[in-house]
Amino acid sequence: MKTRRLSLLLRCLYLLFLLNSIPVRALDLVPKPGEQIAIVAHPGVPVDELSLAEVRKIFLADRQYWTPKLRITLLICAPHTWERKAFFQIVYRMDEAQFRQYWIRKEFRDQITSFPRTVYSAQAAASLAARLPGAITFLDAAEIPSGVKVLKVLSTKDSFSLRH
């Protein structure tokens, strides 16, 4: 029992270290109404389309498996991009601090099998999604590369309608 608690504590401390190593500052890149974000995944995922509610369940880790043998791997772009800011407004409905707190709570409650993987560019996220079975990410809909499956396209007007 002590080993499990120690392991959980070490994992949480590691998460805090990782999250605090990412600078958090006001984002200069503000999404404009009408810009689009594509939700893309590995071509082998067993779905062809997702609703916004399903996207939320996946990215909030309320759904963690595509099938019993295929885990969902979340790939999240690093901060300071308009895509991330818009995605957080539309899907997470959180800012950066709330996002960090959300994942810390999930870890402490032992509700997740793994943390989202942070990637440092949309191109890296798309490349990983194309190669990593079960992976899902988001990127600018104008820059969808080959080798990934598009599951949903979100418009930033969705985030503006949520706020107004």
Protein backbone atom coordinates (compact mmCIF):
# COMPACT_ATOMS: atom_id res chain seq x y z
CA MET A 1 0.00 0.00 0.00
CA LYS A 2 2.83 2.41 0.87
CA THR A 3 4.58 1.58 -2.39
CA ARG A 4 1.43 2.40 -4.38
CA ARG A 5 0.98 5.72 -2.58
CA LEU A 6 4.64 6.58 -3.07
CA SER A 7 4.40 5.70 -6.74
CA LEU A 8 1.30 7.86 -7.13
CA LEU A 9 2.97 10.73 -5.30
CA LEU A 10 6.07 10.50 -7.50
CA ARG A 11 3.94 10.43 -10.65
CA CYS A 12 2.07 13.53 -9.50
CA LEU A 13 5.27 15.35 -8.65
CA TYR A 14 6.66 14.44 -12.06
CA LEU A 15 3.48 15.79 -13.70
CA LEU A 16 3.74 19.03 -11.73
CA PHE A 17 7.36 19.37 -12.82
CA LEU A 18 6.43 18.83 -16.46
CA LEU A 19 3.48 21.18 -16.35
CA ASN A 20 5.42 23.90 -14.58
CA SER A 21 8.26 23.67 -17.07
CA ILE A 22 5.89 24.94 -19.77
CA PRO A 23 5.72 28.73 -19.57
CA VAL A 24 2.22 30.04 -19.08
CA ARG A 25 1.60 33.54 -20.32
CA ALA A 26 -1.16 35.40 -22.08
CA LEU A 27 -1.53 34.02 -25.55
CA ASP A 28 -0.92 36.54 -28.28
CA LEU A 29 -2.48 34.40 -30.97
CA VAL A 30 -6.20 34.79 -30.66
CA PRO A 31 -8.37 32.59 -32.86
CA LYS A 32 -10.62 34.44 -35.29
CA PRO A 33 -14.25 33.43 -35.83
CA GLY A 34 -14.54 30.99 -38.72
CA GLU A 35 -11.08 29.42 -38.52
CA GLN A 36 -11.27 25.64 -38.40
CA ILE A 37 -9.58 22.96 -36.34
CA ALA A 38 -9.48 19.36 -37.51
CA ILE A 39 -9.60 16.44 -35.11
CA VAL A 40 -7.41 13.79 -36.73
CA ALA A 41 -6.41 10.31 -35.70
CA HIS A 42 -4.41 7.29 -36.73
CA PRO A 43 -6.01 5.77 -39.85
CA GLY A 44 -6.60 2.50 -37.98
CA VAL A 45 -8.99 3.87 -35.35
CA PRO A 46 -12.36 2.10 -35.60
CA VAL A 47 -14.47 5.26 -36.07
CA ASP A 48 -14.97 7.50 -39.08
CA GLU A 49 -16.68 10.46 -37.43
CA LEU A 50 -17.10 11.94 -33.95
CA SER A 51 -19.65 14.32 -32.49
CA LEU A 52 -18.47 17.26 -30.37
CA ALA A 53 -19.71 15.39 -27.28
CA GLU A 54 -17.60 12.36 -28.22
CA VAL A 55 -14.56 14.59 -28.85
CA ARG A 56 -15.02 16.05 -25.36
CA LYS A 57 -15.28 12.61 -23.76
CA ILE A 58 -12.09 11.49 -25.47
CA PHE A 59 -10.02 14.59 -24.71
CA LEU A 60 -11.30 14.74 -21.12
CA ALA A 61 -10.27 11.07 -20.74
CA ASP A 62 -13.81 10.02 -19.92
CA ARG A 63 -13.33 7.58 -22.80
CA GLN A 64 -9.84 6.07 -22.87
CA TYR A 65 -10.13 3.15 -25.29
CA TRP A 66 -11.22 2.84 -28.93
CA THR A 67 -11.68 -0.89 -28.39
CA PRO A 68 -10.82 -3.06 -25.39
CA LYS A 69 -7.36 -3.64 -26.88
CA LEU A 70 -6.70 -0.21 -28.43
CA ARG A 71 -5.97 2.62 -26.01
CA ILE A 72 -6.59 6.23 -27.02
CA THR A 73 -3.39 8.28 -27.02
CA LEU A 74 -4.02 12.03 -26.69
CA LEU A 75 -1.54 14.30 -28.45
CA ILE A 76 -1.81 17.91 -27.32
CA CYS A 77 0.05 20.74 -29.06
CA ALA A 78 2.27 22.87 -26.87
CA PRO A 79 0.92 26.19 -25.56
CA HIS A 80 1.02 29.46 -27.45
CA THR A 81 -0.74 28.45 -30.65
CA TRP A 82 -4.11 29.69 -31.83
CA GLU A 83 -5.19 26.09 -32.43
CA ARG A 84 -4.62 25.13 -28.81
CA LYS A 85 -6.36 28.24 -27.49
CA ALA A 86 -9.38 27.65 -29.73
CA PHE A 87 -9.44 23.92 -28.94
CA PHE A 88 -9.35 24.65 -25.21
CA GLN A 89 -12.25 27.11 -25.60
CA ILE A 90 -14.38 24.76 -27.70
CA VAL A 91 -13.60 21.33 -26.26
CA TYR A 92 -12.10 21.71 -22.80
CA ARG A 93 -13.84 24.98 -21.90
CA MET A 94 -10.81 25.66 -19.72
CA ASP A 95 -7.77 27.89 -19.64
CA GLU A 96 -4.22 26.57 -19.17
CA ALA A 97 -4.31 26.63 -15.36
CA GLN A 98 -7.66 24.84 -15.21
CA PHE A 99 -6.34 22.27 -17.71
CA ARG A 100 -3.34 21.48 -15.48
CA GLN A 101 -5.53 21.22 -12.39
CA TYR A 102 -7.97 18.94 -14.23
CA TRP A 103 -5.25 16.42 -15.11
CA ILE A 104 -3.73 16.55 -11.64
CA ARG A 105 -7.15 15.73 -10.15
CA LYS A 106 -7.62 12.88 -12.63
CA GLU A 107 -4.25 11.46 -11.60
CA PHE A 108 -4.89 11.76 -7.87
CA ARG A 109 -8.22 10.00 -8.30
CA ASP A 110 -6.52 7.29 -10.35
CA GLN A 111 -8.97 7.91 -13.22
CA ILE A 112 -6.51 7.87 -16.10
CA THR A 113 -4.30 5.27 -17.69
CA SER A 114 -1.91 7.86 -19.14
CA PHE A 115 -1.44 11.60 -19.50
CA PRO A 116 -1.83 13.43 -22.80
CA ARG A 117 1.45 13.64 -24.66
CA THR A 118 2.63 17.17 -25.37
CA VAL A 119 4.06 17.73 -28.82
CA TYR A 120 5.73 20.93 -29.87
CA SER A 121 4.13 21.49 -33.27
CA ALA A 122 1.02 20.56 -35.19
CA GLN A 123 3.23 18.85 -37.78
CA ALA A 124 4.80 16.67 -35.07
CA ALA A 125 1.35 15.85 -33.69
CA ALA A 126 0.07 14.85 -37.14
CA SER A 127 3.17 12.80 -37.84
CA LEU A 128 2.84 10.96 -34.53
CA ALA A 129 -0.89 10.43 -35.05
CA ALA A 130 -0.19 8.83 -38.42
CA ARG A 131 2.33 6.39 -36.89
CA LEU A 132 0.96 5.70 -33.40
CA PRO A 133 -2.04 3.32 -33.28
CA GLY A 134 -4.90 4.86 -31.30
CA ALA A 135 -3.51 8.40 -31.42
CA ILE A 136 -5.74 11.46 -31.78
CA THR A 137 -4.86 15.16 -32.00
CA PHE A 138 -6.05 18.51 -33.33
CA LEU A 139 -4.54 20.90 -35.87
CA ASP A 140 -5.34 23.69 -38.29
CA ALA A 141 -7.87 22.27 -40.77
CA ALA A 142 -6.02 24.05 -43.59
CA GLU A 143 -2.91 21.94 -42.88
CA ILE A 144 -4.19 18.35 -42.76
CA PRO A 145 -1.41 16.04 -43.94
CA SER A 146 -1.85 12.70 -45.63
CA GLY A 147 -1.72 9.60 -43.47
CA VAL A 148 -4.29 10.64 -40.86
CA LYS A 149 -8.05 10.17 -40.61
CA VAL A 150 -10.19 13.31 -40.14
CA LEU A 151 -12.86 12.62 -37.52
CA LYS A 152 -14.31 16.10 -36.96
CA VAL A 153 -13.81 19.68 -38.05
CA LEU A 154 -14.53 22.36 -35.46
CA SER A 155 -15.03 26.02 -36.23
CA THR A 156 -13.81 28.75 -33.91
CA LYS A 157 -17.24 30.32 -34.30
CA ASP A 158 -18.32 27.50 -31.95
CA SER A 159 -16.12 28.96 -29.20
CA PHE A 160 -17.41 32.47 -29.82
CA SER A 161 -21.03 31.31 -29.65
CA LEU A 162 -20.26 29.57 -26.34
CA ARG A 163 -19.03 32.83 -24.82
CA HIS A 164 -21.77 35.12 -26.17
